[in-house]
Structures are given as C-alpha cells and as structure tokens.
Amino acid sequence: MARTRELVAELRERLGGAAPQPPPAPLPRVPEPPVRVFPKRHEGSRYARETAAHTTALLGIGQVGTRYATDVVLQFQAELAVAHEAVATELPEDWAAKNGLLGLRSRVTHHREFLLRPDLGRRLDDLSLARLKMEAKHGVDVQPILADGLSAVACMQSGLELLASFTRACEARGLTVGTPVCARYARVWLEDEIGQTVKARVAAILLGERPGLGTGDGLSAYLVYEPAVGKTDGDRNMMSNIHARGTPPAVAGDRLAVLARAMVDQKRSGVSLELGHLVAELGDAASRHHRAPQVRERLVEVPT
C-alpha cells in the first residue's frame, strides 16, 4: 500500500471513521404555521370620504394594516408615470412648421438644460429673435404664443384647439391678433420678450404646465398687458387646468379673450385688473365661490 494511503487509513482510524456512524438525533417537531389573517381595509373617516368628493387630491384612501391598499398603490404609480412622461416628452423641431406656426426657440440647447435652467427658457435665441422681427405682424392687440412648457404632450394634443378658439374669440371682440407662433423649450416669461418685440398690447402664452397625478395633458395660459422684459408674475393673469377633464379648450379660449379685452380696455393686467363685472362671461374664473373638482379618472383597475 502506498504511504499516502496508509496515512489516510490511519487518520480515519484515529478519527473513528472505521466505526459505524451513530443515527442522527430526531428533529424537533415543527408546529403548523398559524392561519394568516389579513386585516380588513380601513377606509378612513366619514369626513375624509365626504371631503374627497370635492377634490382630486388623494384623501381618505385608507390602508390595509400599516400599508396602502394594492389598488391605491397601483393607481398612484400609474398617475406618476403619466406626469413623468409629460415632462420627458420633447416637442419635435418641425412640429411648428407642420402646423402652420412660426417656429421659435428659447436659448435652451437641450431638454436637460431646459429643466435645470429656467432662466434660459425665458429669452429667445438670436435666430428666433431675428425671425420674429422679420416674419411676424407688429403693433397688434394680442400676440398668441403656443409653447411646450413642462408638457409638450399637452401642447401637441389640445394646444392647436386652444389657440384657434382663443384667436376666434379675440377677433369676435374686435381685437387684432398677431402671427401665431410656437416656442420650443419655453418658460412663461418668454412672452415678455416676444410681445415686446412685436409691440403687442397683450401677450398670451398658452403652454403645457403642471403635470401632476393623472394629468399630463393640461395647458395653462398667462396674459400680460404691455409685455416687456422685466414684468413680474403680479403683472399677469392666468388660467390653468385647461383640458378635457378641467376647463375645455373651447370654453377656455373664450374666457381668455374676455381677459384680453378687459386688459386692453382698462390698460392694465395682473392684480390690478378689475374682473368683478365680468362674472357672467368668465364664469367660475372670476368667481370667489368653490369650484367643482375635475373628474379623477382611474388608470388601473384591480380585479376583485
């Protein structure tokens, strides 16, 4: 026998390997798992349920144990995805030309810069400024501006409808309307430079804005009298939630024209604009009463 085998055999003998192994000790009895009881879903108070009927905010959603219910979580994730998609979508460079609009662009060079540098979105680049001076009407009452803002989705979906409705309503009220333009990578204050350049009495920017839970297609409109670089938010009047589930574009266009007419007549805008006598025309836009909430649509249906 080789020396190595002898050593291995000797080692096994010393370790007791030659003796039979003792039987394994019996395992302790494992008790049956307890019956799992799922806690009942808590729906919140009656006050929360009644309050939720008057707002689209997430109120009184309840919980299961210490966590939200599955359908609540899925709904929230779906609505958040809608908002993310709206912010991430870019307006194609040729979209304005394809839709018969004068295409302009802010000083922003790419989408990430647009999100991080609001200041660059408030001024036109040199080429756009030159085009505006050469190709747009000057000395008009109202200069409409369609823009992407924070939701190019809203601009492409209902922007043209709002622009057309607003233009028709302004002309019906005796206001001259400038060349329709479309601004890419635009912030609200871009209307100041555009309106100042064409010497418009009122500038109105209609842009995608406020993507939130379940709403990625909402437009907002900002109007300012005697637009000029340096105007503040206190100089503007605005209308938000312009979409099918909020204020429809056709209705919003007419109300915005009422605002433009009031600005031209009163020669002012913003906090000093008097709207008390226009409640009949502006509806809840000029009212101080509570407004009916927009319809909150469920994006995910969980089978029961």
Protein backbone atom coordinates (compact mmCIF):
# COMPACT_ATOMS: atom_id res chain seq x y z
CA MET A 1 0.00 0.00 0.00
CA ALA A 2 1.31 3.41 -0.83
CA ARG A 3 2.45 5.57 2.03
CA THR A 4 -0.24 8.14 1.33
CA ARG A 5 -3.00 5.56 1.57
CA GLU A 6 -1.53 4.30 4.84
CA LEU A 7 -1.59 7.76 6.31
CA VAL A 8 -5.21 8.33 5.23
CA ALA A 9 -6.30 4.99 6.67
CA GLU A 10 -4.50 5.74 9.93
CA LEU A 11 -6.15 9.12 10.15
CA ARG A 12 -9.60 7.66 9.57
CA GLU A 13 -8.96 5.09 12.29
CA ARG A 14 -7.92 7.76 14.76
CA LEU A 15 -10.98 9.84 13.95
CA GLY A 16 -13.26 6.90 14.40
CA GLY A 17 -14.07 6.64 10.74
CA ALA A 18 -13.94 2.88 10.86
CA ALA A 19 -16.77 2.73 13.40
CA PRO A 20 -20.35 2.93 12.16
CA GLN A 21 -21.90 6.39 12.36
CA PRO A 22 -24.45 6.86 15.11
CA PRO A 23 -28.02 7.50 13.93
CA PRO A 24 -28.92 11.17 13.68
CA ALA A 25 -30.81 12.69 16.52
CA PRO A 26 -34.53 13.10 15.79
CA LEU A 27 -35.54 16.54 14.62
CA PRO A 28 -37.81 18.54 16.87
CA ARG A 29 -41.42 18.71 15.78
CA VAL A 30 -42.13 21.82 13.74
CA PRO A 31 -45.50 23.30 14.66
CA GLU A 32 -48.01 24.03 11.95
CA PRO A 33 -47.94 27.65 10.75
CA PRO A 34 -50.70 29.78 12.17
CA VAL A 35 -53.64 30.66 9.97
CA ARG A 36 -52.82 34.00 8.31
CA VAL A 37 -55.47 36.61 8.90
CA PHE A 38 -55.41 39.62 6.60
CA PRO A 39 -56.51 42.82 8.31
CA LYS A 40 -59.59 44.50 6.99
CA ARG A 41 -59.14 47.59 4.87
CA HIS A 42 -59.67 50.78 6.80
CA GLU A 43 -61.48 53.38 4.70
CA GLY A 44 -60.96 56.42 6.89
CA SER A 45 -63.49 58.69 8.50
CA ARG A 46 -66.79 59.91 7.10
CA TYR A 47 -65.29 63.40 6.98
CA ALA A 48 -62.45 62.18 4.74
CA ARG A 49 -64.88 60.41 2.40
CA GLU A 50 -67.12 63.47 2.06
CA THR A 51 -64.14 65.77 1.56
CA ALA A 52 -62.70 63.52 -1.16
CA ALA A 53 -65.83 64.11 -3.25
CA HIS A 54 -64.85 67.79 -3.63
CA THR A 55 -61.23 67.46 -4.70
CA THR A 56 -58.95 65.35 -6.86
CA ALA A 57 -56.40 65.17 -4.05
CA LEU A 58 -55.73 61.76 -2.54
CA LEU A 59 -57.82 61.91 0.63
CA GLY A 60 -59.32 59.13 2.71
CA ILE A 61 -57.63 56.39 0.69
CA GLY A 62 -57.43 54.14 3.74
CA GLN A 63 -54.96 51.35 4.43
CA VAL A 64 -54.61 47.62 4.93
CA GLY A 65 -52.75 47.05 8.17
CA THR A 66 -49.87 49.53 8.13
CA ARG A 67 -49.75 49.93 4.33
CA TYR A 68 -51.81 51.33 1.50
CA ALA A 69 -54.12 49.01 -0.37
CA THR A 70 -52.78 47.46 -3.58
CA ASP A 71 -55.21 49.31 -5.85
CA VAL A 72 -54.21 52.65 -4.26
CA VAL A 73 -50.51 51.99 -4.84
CA LEU A 74 -51.05 50.89 -8.45
CA GLN A 75 -53.19 53.94 -9.17
CA PHE A 76 -50.58 56.27 -7.69
CA GLN A 77 -47.78 54.66 -9.71
CA ALA A 78 -49.79 54.90 -12.93
CA GLU A 79 -50.61 58.57 -12.35
CA LEU A 80 -47.00 59.34 -11.52
CA ALA A 81 -45.93 57.67 -14.76
CA VAL A 82 -48.28 59.98 -16.70
CA ALA A 83 -46.62 63.03 -15.14
CA HIS A 84 -43.11 61.69 -15.82
CA GLU A 85 -43.97 61.02 -19.46
CA ALA A 86 -45.32 64.55 -19.89
CA VAL A 87 -42.16 66.14 -18.51
CA ALA A 88 -39.86 63.85 -20.52
CA THR A 89 -41.58 64.35 -23.89
CA GLU A 90 -39.97 66.88 -26.24
CA LEU A 91 -41.70 68.95 -28.91
CA PRO A 92 -40.33 67.91 -32.33
CA GLU A 93 -38.32 70.62 -34.06
CA ASP A 94 -40.53 70.56 -37.16
CA TRP A 95 -43.87 70.44 -35.31
CA ALA A 96 -44.49 74.19 -35.57
CA ALA A 97 -43.83 74.35 -39.32
CA LYS A 98 -46.02 71.30 -39.99
CA ASN A 99 -48.91 73.03 -38.23
CA GLY A 100 -48.55 76.41 -39.92
CA LEU A 101 -46.95 78.23 -36.98
CA LEU A 102 -43.88 80.42 -36.84
CA GLY A 103 -41.36 78.27 -35.01
CA LEU A 104 -39.26 79.94 -32.33
CA ARG A 105 -36.86 78.64 -29.72
CA SER A 106 -35.52 79.84 -26.41
CA ARG A 107 -31.83 79.97 -25.52
CA VAL A 108 -32.00 76.40 -24.22
CA THR A 109 -29.90 73.94 -26.24
CA HIS A 110 -31.28 70.60 -25.00
CA HIS A 111 -34.03 69.14 -22.83
CA ARG A 112 -31.99 68.54 -19.69
CA GLU A 113 -30.78 72.14 -19.77
CA PHE A 114 -34.40 73.24 -20.12
CA LEU A 115 -35.28 71.50 -16.87
CA LEU A 116 -32.25 72.81 -14.98
CA ARG A 117 -32.03 76.37 -16.36
CA PRO A 118 -35.43 78.14 -16.30
CA ASP A 119 -33.69 81.45 -16.97
CA LEU A 120 -32.59 80.31 -20.44
CA GLY A 121 -36.16 79.39 -21.31
CA ARG A 122 -37.29 83.00 -20.75
CA ARG A 123 -35.38 84.55 -23.65
CA LEU A 124 -35.24 83.84 -27.39
CA ASP A 125 -32.10 82.73 -29.14
CA ASP A 126 -30.64 85.08 -31.74
CA LEU A 127 -32.05 83.26 -34.78
CA SER A 128 -35.57 83.18 -33.36
CA LEU A 129 -35.43 86.84 -32.41
CA ALA A 130 -34.40 87.74 -35.96
CA ARG A 131 -37.21 85.61 -37.45
CA LEU A 132 -39.75 87.20 -35.14
CA LYS A 133 -38.70 90.70 -36.18
CA MET A 134 -38.85 89.86 -39.88
CA GLU A 135 -41.80 87.48 -40.24
CA ALA A 136 -44.34 88.38 -37.54
CA LYS A 137 -47.00 91.10 -37.55
CA HIS A 138 -46.25 94.14 -35.44
CA GLY A 139 -48.47 96.51 -33.49
CA VAL A 140 -51.29 94.04 -32.84
CA ASP A 141 -53.67 93.95 -29.89
CA VAL A 142 -52.95 90.34 -28.93
CA GLN A 143 -49.92 88.19 -29.64
CA PRO A 144 -50.74 84.47 -29.08
CA ILE A 145 -47.87 82.12 -28.29
CA LEU A 146 -48.25 78.36 -28.21
CA ALA A 147 -45.44 76.67 -26.27
CA ASP A 148 -44.33 73.31 -24.92
CA GLY A 149 -43.56 74.36 -21.34
CA LEU A 150 -43.36 71.39 -19.00
CA SER A 151 -45.73 69.25 -21.07
CA ALA A 152 -45.15 69.01 -24.79
CA VAL A 153 -47.85 66.33 -24.67
CA ALA A 154 -50.46 68.98 -23.80
CA CYS A 155 -49.14 71.33 -26.48
CA MET A 156 -49.46 68.69 -29.20
CA GLN A 157 -52.79 67.28 -28.02
CA SER A 158 -55.02 70.31 -27.40
CA GLY A 159 -52.74 73.28 -27.96
CA LEU A 160 -53.91 73.96 -31.51
CA GLU A 161 -57.56 73.78 -30.44
CA LEU A 162 -56.98 76.29 -27.65
CA LEU A 163 -55.01 78.59 -29.98
CA ALA A 164 -57.76 78.52 -32.60
CA SER A 165 -60.52 79.07 -30.04
CA PHE A 166 -58.66 81.97 -28.45
CA THR A 167 -57.91 83.59 -31.82
CA ARG A 168 -61.53 83.41 -32.97
CA ALA A 169 -62.84 84.78 -29.69
CA CYS A 170 -60.37 87.70 -29.73
CA GLU A 171 -61.31 88.65 -33.29
CA ALA A 172 -65.02 88.41 -32.40
CA ARG A 173 -64.37 91.04 -29.70
CA GLY A 174 -62.69 93.41 -32.11
CA LEU A 175 -59.09 92.63 -31.20
CA THR A 176 -56.38 92.26 -33.81
CA VAL A 177 -54.38 89.06 -33.44
CA GLY A 178 -50.72 88.65 -34.34
CA THR A 179 -48.91 85.91 -36.22
CA PRO A 180 -49.39 82.64 -34.32
CA VAL A 181 -46.03 81.42 -33.09
CA CYS A 182 -44.89 78.25 -31.37
CA ALA A 183 -41.97 78.41 -28.94
CA ARG A 184 -39.84 75.39 -28.09
CA TYR A 185 -38.23 74.97 -24.66
CA ALA A 186 -40.30 77.89 -23.42
CA ARG A 187 -40.97 79.25 -19.95
CA VAL A 188 -43.81 81.64 -19.10
CA TRP A 189 -41.75 84.83 -19.12
CA LEU A 190 -40.73 84.22 -22.74
CA GLU A 191 -43.97 86.01 -23.65
CA ASP A 192 -42.45 89.26 -22.39
CA GLU A 193 -39.70 89.38 -24.99
CA ILE A 194 -41.95 88.13 -27.80
CA GLY A 195 -44.71 90.63 -27.04
CA GLN A 196 -42.22 93.46 -26.62
CA THR A 197 -40.51 92.65 -29.92
CA VAL A 198 -43.75 92.75 -31.95
CA LYS A 199 -45.10 95.70 -29.92
CA ALA A 200 -48.28 93.88 -28.94
CA ARG A 201 -50.63 95.39 -26.37
CA VAL A 202 -51.27 91.97 -24.81
CA ALA A 203 -49.12 88.84 -24.95
CA ALA A 204 -50.74 85.47 -24.23
CA ILE A 205 -48.67 82.33 -23.84
CA LEU A 206 -50.52 79.00 -23.93
CA LEU A 207 -48.24 76.27 -22.68
CA GLY A 208 -48.22 72.83 -21.19
CA GLU A 209 -47.85 73.06 -17.47
CA ARG A 210 -48.43 71.48 -14.08
CA PRO A 211 -48.22 67.78 -14.95
CA GLY A 212 -49.49 66.07 -11.83
CA LEU A 213 -51.16 62.93 -10.64
CA GLY A 214 -53.18 61.66 -13.57
CA THR A 215 -52.94 64.90 -15.54
CA GLY A 216 -50.20 65.16 -18.13
CA ASP A 217 -52.17 66.97 -20.83
CA GLY A 218 -53.08 70.19 -19.00
CA LEU A 219 -52.48 73.61 -20.52
CA SER A 220 -52.13 76.93 -18.73
CA ALA A 221 -52.48 80.43 -20.18
CA TYR A 222 -50.71 83.58 -18.98
CA LEU A 223 -51.71 87.02 -20.25
CA VAL A 224 -49.85 90.29 -19.64
CA TYR A 225 -50.58 93.86 -20.72
CA GLU A 226 -47.77 95.86 -22.37
CA PRO A 227 -45.35 92.93 -22.31
CA ALA A 228 -41.73 93.83 -21.64
CA VAL A 229 -38.70 92.04 -20.26
CA GLY A 230 -38.78 92.50 -16.52
CA LYS A 231 -42.51 92.05 -15.93
CA THR A 232 -43.36 90.07 -12.78
CA ASP A 233 -45.95 87.42 -12.01
CA GLY A 234 -48.02 90.09 -10.30
CA ASP A 235 -48.44 91.72 -13.72
CA ARG A 236 -50.05 88.60 -15.22
CA ASN A 237 -53.39 86.87 -15.19
CA MET A 238 -53.52 83.13 -15.70
CA MET A 239 -55.86 80.22 -16.19
CA SER A 240 -54.78 76.63 -15.51
CA ASN A 241 -56.19 73.11 -15.87
CA ILE A 242 -57.23 73.61 -19.48
CA HIS A 243 -58.01 70.12 -20.75
CA ALA A 244 -60.97 67.86 -21.38
CA ARG A 245 -61.50 66.98 -17.71
CA GLY A 246 -60.97 70.52 -16.47
CA THR A 247 -61.83 73.63 -18.50
CA PRO A 248 -62.30 72.53 -22.14
CA PRO A 249 -60.15 74.43 -24.67
CA ALA A 250 -63.21 75.87 -26.44
CA VAL A 251 -64.51 77.37 -23.19
CA ALA A 252 -61.06 78.50 -22.07
CA GLY A 253 -60.38 80.30 -25.37
CA ASP A 254 -63.49 82.43 -24.97
CA ARG A 255 -62.70 83.29 -21.36
CA LEU A 256 -59.13 84.22 -22.22
CA ALA A 257 -60.42 86.56 -24.91
CA VAL A 258 -62.61 88.23 -22.27
CA LEU A 259 -59.47 88.78 -20.19
CA ALA A 260 -57.57 90.20 -23.16
CA ARG A 261 -60.42 92.59 -23.98
CA ALA A 262 -60.54 93.74 -20.35
CA MET A 263 -56.78 94.38 -20.36
CA VAL A 264 -56.97 96.49 -23.49
CA ASP A 265 -59.96 98.45 -22.15
CA GLN A 266 -58.52 99.01 -18.67
CA LYS A 267 -54.89 99.36 -19.86
CA ARG A 268 -53.59 97.07 -17.15
CA SER A 269 -53.27 93.42 -16.12
CA GLY A 270 -52.40 91.36 -13.10
CA VAL A 271 -53.61 92.04 -9.59
CA SER A 272 -54.96 95.46 -10.53
CA LEU A 273 -57.24 94.16 -13.30
CA GLU A 274 -60.89 94.55 -12.31
CA LEU A 275 -62.94 91.45 -13.15
CA GLY A 276 -65.92 91.83 -10.84
CA HIS A 277 -68.22 92.98 -13.64
CA LEU A 278 -67.23 90.05 -15.88
CA VAL A 279 -68.51 87.16 -13.77
CA ALA A 280 -71.26 86.38 -16.29
CA GLU A 281 -68.69 85.96 -19.09
CA LEU A 282 -65.86 84.40 -17.11
CA GLY A 283 -67.96 82.03 -15.01
CA ASP A 284 -66.06 80.48 -12.13
CA ALA A 285 -62.83 82.04 -13.43
CA ALA A 286 -63.97 85.34 -11.90
CA SER A 287 -66.00 83.89 -9.04
CA ARG A 288 -64.84 83.59 -5.45
CA HIS A 289 -67.03 80.56 -4.81
CA HIS A 290 -65.83 76.96 -4.59
CA ARG A 291 -65.43 75.24 -7.94
CA ALA A 292 -66.49 71.75 -8.80
CA PRO A 293 -63.44 69.45 -8.88
CA GLN A 294 -62.31 67.92 -12.13
CA VAL A 295 -63.10 64.27 -12.72
CA ARG A 296 -60.37 61.98 -11.42
CA GLU A 297 -60.08 59.03 -13.76
CA ARG A 298 -58.86 55.67 -12.58
CA LEU A 299 -55.96 54.48 -14.72
CA VAL A 300 -55.69 50.98 -13.24
CA GLU A 301 -58.49 48.56 -12.49
CA VAL A 302 -57.76 45.80 -10.00
CA PRO A 303 -59.97 42.70 -10.41
CA THR A 304 -61.99 41.84 -7.32
